[in-house]
């Protein structure tokens, strides 16, 4: 197997979803992905609107070093990851970043308020959604599915060509009998 084929297989595995053939299920999966991505965007914008305040109120409280830096990391993870999730493009990496920000948010909430459900509720729901997409991928109606299909088709054509070349080489090496 060539390096290109390995890269194609890796990219396809990253982009391909754990699909169900049920189109109704896939439509709901898409709605959840789009809603979770779109409503998450404002969180990144809120952080950027007053980064120093966010760093002081949230990041310093949990004891992370370089609070301004990590505040920017969180804000840009949400600003870049949320639209990618909504589009279903690079969904698993986007979901990983978003899940990570929600894990830190949950840690902050537990540290500040204990196991207060009203305080934890939103970050737990977001984290569960992002974990779902991290594990399962974007679903059938997504940019990832289109790209994975294209990669499958491209690698299938390459495999067919390699088989034809191997057959040609094999038949050329066989002695001609009359």
Protein backbone atom coordinates (compact mmCIF):
# COMPACT_ATOMS: atom_id res chain seq x y z
CA UNK A 1 0.00 0.00 0.00
CA UNK A 2 1.40 3.36 -1.00
CA UNK A 3 1.67 6.40 1.24
CA UNK A 4 -1.02 8.16 -0.79
CA UNK A 5 -3.40 5.25 -0.31
CA UNK A 6 -2.71 5.23 3.44
CA UNK A 7 -3.35 8.98 3.64
CA UNK A 8 -6.57 8.58 1.67
CA UNK A 9 -7.73 5.77 3.96
CA UNK A 10 -6.88 7.83 7.05
CA UNK A 11 -8.69 10.91 5.73
CA UNK A 12 -11.71 8.81 4.76
CA UNK A 13 -11.82 7.18 8.21
CA UNK A 14 -11.65 10.61 9.86
CA UNK A 15 -14.41 12.07 7.71
CA UNK A 16 -16.76 9.08 7.37
CA UNK A 17 -19.62 8.89 9.85
CA UNK A 18 -21.06 5.92 11.66
CA UNK A 19 -24.04 5.99 9.32
CA UNK A 20 -27.56 4.74 9.62
CA UNK A 21 -29.44 4.27 6.35
CA UNK A 22 -32.52 5.80 7.97
CA UNK A 23 -32.94 9.21 6.30
CA UNK A 24 -35.25 10.49 9.04
CA UNK A 25 -32.59 9.74 11.63
CA UNK A 26 -29.95 11.41 9.47
CA UNK A 27 -32.15 14.52 9.05
CA UNK A 28 -32.52 14.85 12.84
CA UNK A 29 -28.78 14.22 13.23
CA UNK A 30 -28.18 17.12 10.82
CA UNK A 31 -30.58 19.42 12.67
CA UNK A 32 -28.83 18.69 15.97
CA UNK A 33 -25.41 19.34 14.40
CA UNK A 34 -26.47 22.62 12.80
CA UNK A 35 -28.29 23.93 15.88
CA UNK A 36 -25.45 22.99 18.26
CA UNK A 37 -22.92 24.66 15.96
CA UNK A 38 -24.89 27.83 15.27
CA UNK A 39 -25.88 28.52 18.89
CA UNK A 40 -22.32 27.92 20.07
CA UNK A 41 -20.86 30.74 17.95
CA UNK A 42 -22.08 33.46 20.33
CA UNK A 43 -20.01 31.97 23.17
CA UNK A 44 -16.78 32.71 21.29
CA UNK A 45 -18.00 36.19 20.41
CA UNK A 46 -18.90 36.87 24.05
CA UNK A 47 -15.42 35.86 25.17
CA UNK A 48 -13.74 38.11 22.61
CA UNK A 49 -15.94 41.09 23.50
CA UNK A 50 -14.13 41.35 26.85
CA UNK A 51 -11.26 38.90 26.90
CA UNK A 52 -9.65 40.30 30.06
CA UNK A 53 -12.88 39.97 32.04
CA UNK A 54 -13.39 36.38 30.83
CA UNK A 55 -9.78 35.50 31.66
CA UNK A 56 -10.12 36.90 35.15
CA UNK A 57 -13.57 35.47 35.94
CA UNK A 58 -13.12 32.01 34.46
CA UNK A 59 -9.59 31.03 33.52
CA UNK A 60 -7.74 32.44 36.54
CA UNK A 61 -10.35 30.95 38.88
CA UNK A 62 -9.50 27.41 37.78
CA UNK A 63 -5.78 28.06 38.01
CA UNK A 64 -4.69 27.75 34.39
CA UNK A 65 -1.46 29.59 33.55
CA UNK A 66 -1.50 32.34 30.94
CA UNK A 67 -5.21 33.17 31.35
CA UNK A 68 -5.35 35.64 28.44
CA UNK A 69 -3.77 33.11 26.08
CA UNK A 70 -6.15 30.33 27.12
CA UNK A 71 -9.09 32.71 26.87
CA UNK A 72 -8.18 33.39 23.25
CA UNK A 73 -7.74 29.65 22.64
CA UNK A 74 -11.23 28.99 24.00
CA UNK A 75 -12.80 31.88 22.06
CA UNK A 76 -11.23 30.94 18.73
CA UNK A 77 -11.94 27.24 19.25
CA UNK A 78 -15.60 28.16 19.57
CA UNK A 79 -15.53 30.70 16.73
CA UNK A 80 -13.87 28.29 14.31
CA UNK A 81 -15.14 24.95 15.58
CA UNK A 82 -18.83 25.85 15.83
CA UNK A 83 -19.28 26.85 12.15
CA UNK A 84 -17.25 23.81 11.06
CA UNK A 85 -19.55 21.62 13.15
CA UNK A 86 -22.65 23.29 11.68
CA UNK A 87 -21.36 22.69 8.15
CA UNK A 88 -20.28 19.17 8.95
CA UNK A 89 -16.74 19.96 7.78
CA UNK A 90 -13.85 18.43 9.76
CA UNK A 91 -16.52 17.56 12.29
CA UNK A 92 -14.54 15.26 14.55
CA UNK A 93 -11.62 17.67 15.11
CA UNK A 94 -14.09 20.56 15.60
CA UNK A 95 -16.15 18.49 18.04
CA UNK A 96 -12.99 17.55 19.95
CA UNK A 97 -12.06 21.20 20.41
CA UNK A 98 -15.60 22.18 21.39
CA UNK A 99 -15.94 19.22 23.77
CA UNK A 100 -12.65 20.26 25.39
CA UNK A 101 -13.88 23.80 26.00
CA UNK A 102 -17.07 22.43 27.54
CA UNK A 103 -15.08 20.04 29.76
CA UNK A 104 -13.13 23.03 31.10
CA UNK A 105 -16.39 24.95 31.54
CA UNK A 106 -17.89 22.04 33.51
CA UNK A 107 -14.78 21.93 35.68
CA UNK A 108 -15.15 25.66 36.35
CA UNK A 109 -18.82 25.27 37.25
CA UNK A 110 -18.14 22.38 39.64
CA UNK A 111 -15.24 24.28 41.23
CA UNK A 112 -17.33 27.43 41.76
CA UNK A 113 -20.81 26.04 42.51
CA UNK A 114 -20.39 22.35 43.23
CA UNK A 115 -22.75 19.94 41.55
CA UNK A 116 -25.42 22.56 40.95
CA UNK A 117 -27.49 21.31 38.04
CA UNK A 118 -28.79 24.76 36.99
CA UNK A 119 -25.20 26.01 36.82
CA UNK A 120 -23.89 22.93 34.98
CA UNK A 121 -26.86 22.33 32.73
CA UNK A 122 -25.89 24.18 29.55
CA UNK A 123 -22.24 23.12 29.46
CA UNK A 124 -23.22 19.48 30.09
CA UNK A 125 -25.75 19.53 27.25
CA UNK A 126 -23.22 21.11 24.87
CA UNK A 127 -20.54 18.62 25.94
CA UNK A 128 -22.89 15.69 25.32
CA UNK A 129 -23.73 16.98 21.82
CA UNK A 130 -20.08 17.54 20.95
CA UNK A 131 -19.13 14.11 22.31
CA UNK A 132 -21.82 12.56 20.10
CA UNK A 133 -20.32 14.19 16.99
CA UNK A 134 -16.76 13.38 18.10
CA UNK A 135 -17.66 9.68 18.28
CA UNK A 136 -20.10 9.41 15.36
CA UNK A 137 -19.00 12.05 12.88
CA UNK A 138 -21.18 14.52 11.01
CA UNK A 139 -23.72 12.19 9.46
CA UNK A 140 -24.92 11.65 5.92
CA UNK A 141 -25.92 15.24 5.14
CA UNK A 142 -22.57 16.94 5.65
CA UNK A 143 -19.50 18.23 3.87
CA UNK A 144 -17.51 15.41 5.50
CA UNK A 145 -19.78 12.80 3.88
CA UNK A 146 -19.32 14.45 0.47
CA UNK A 147 -15.54 14.54 0.86
CA UNK A 148 -15.39 10.95 2.17
CA UNK A 149 -17.47 9.80 -0.80
CA UNK A 150 -15.17 11.60 -3.19
CA UNK A 151 -12.09 10.09 -1.50
CA UNK A 152 -13.66 6.62 -1.67
CA UNK A 153 -14.38 7.07 -5.37
CA UNK A 154 -10.88 8.41 -6.03
CA UNK A 155 -9.21 5.56 -4.17
CA UNK A 156 -11.49 3.04 -5.87
CA UNK A 157 -10.39 4.30 -9.28
CA UNK A 158 -6.76 4.13 -8.19
CA UNK A 159 -7.27 0.57 -6.98
CA UNK A 160 -8.93 -0.44 -10.26
CA UNK A 161 -6.01 1.08 -12.19
CA UNK A 162 -3.48 -0.72 -9.96
CA UNK A 163 -5.28 -4.03 -10.53
CA UNK A 164 -5.30 -3.47 -14.30
CA UNK A 165 -1.58 -2.67 -14.26
CA UNK A 166 -0.85 -5.77 -12.16
CA UNK A 167 -2.87 -7.96 -14.54
CA UNK A 168 -1.07 -6.43 -17.51
CA UNK A 169 2.32 -7.01 -15.91
CA UNK A 170 1.37 -10.57 -15.00
CA UNK A 171 0.18 -11.43 -18.49
CA UNK A 172 3.31 -9.84 -20.00
CA UNK A 173 5.51 -12.06 -17.80
CA UNK A 174 3.75 -15.26 -18.83
CA UNK A 175 5.39 -17.28 -21.60
CA UNK A 176 3.51 -17.26 -24.87
CA UNK A 177 2.34 -20.73 -25.83
CA UNK A 178 1.17 -21.62 -29.31
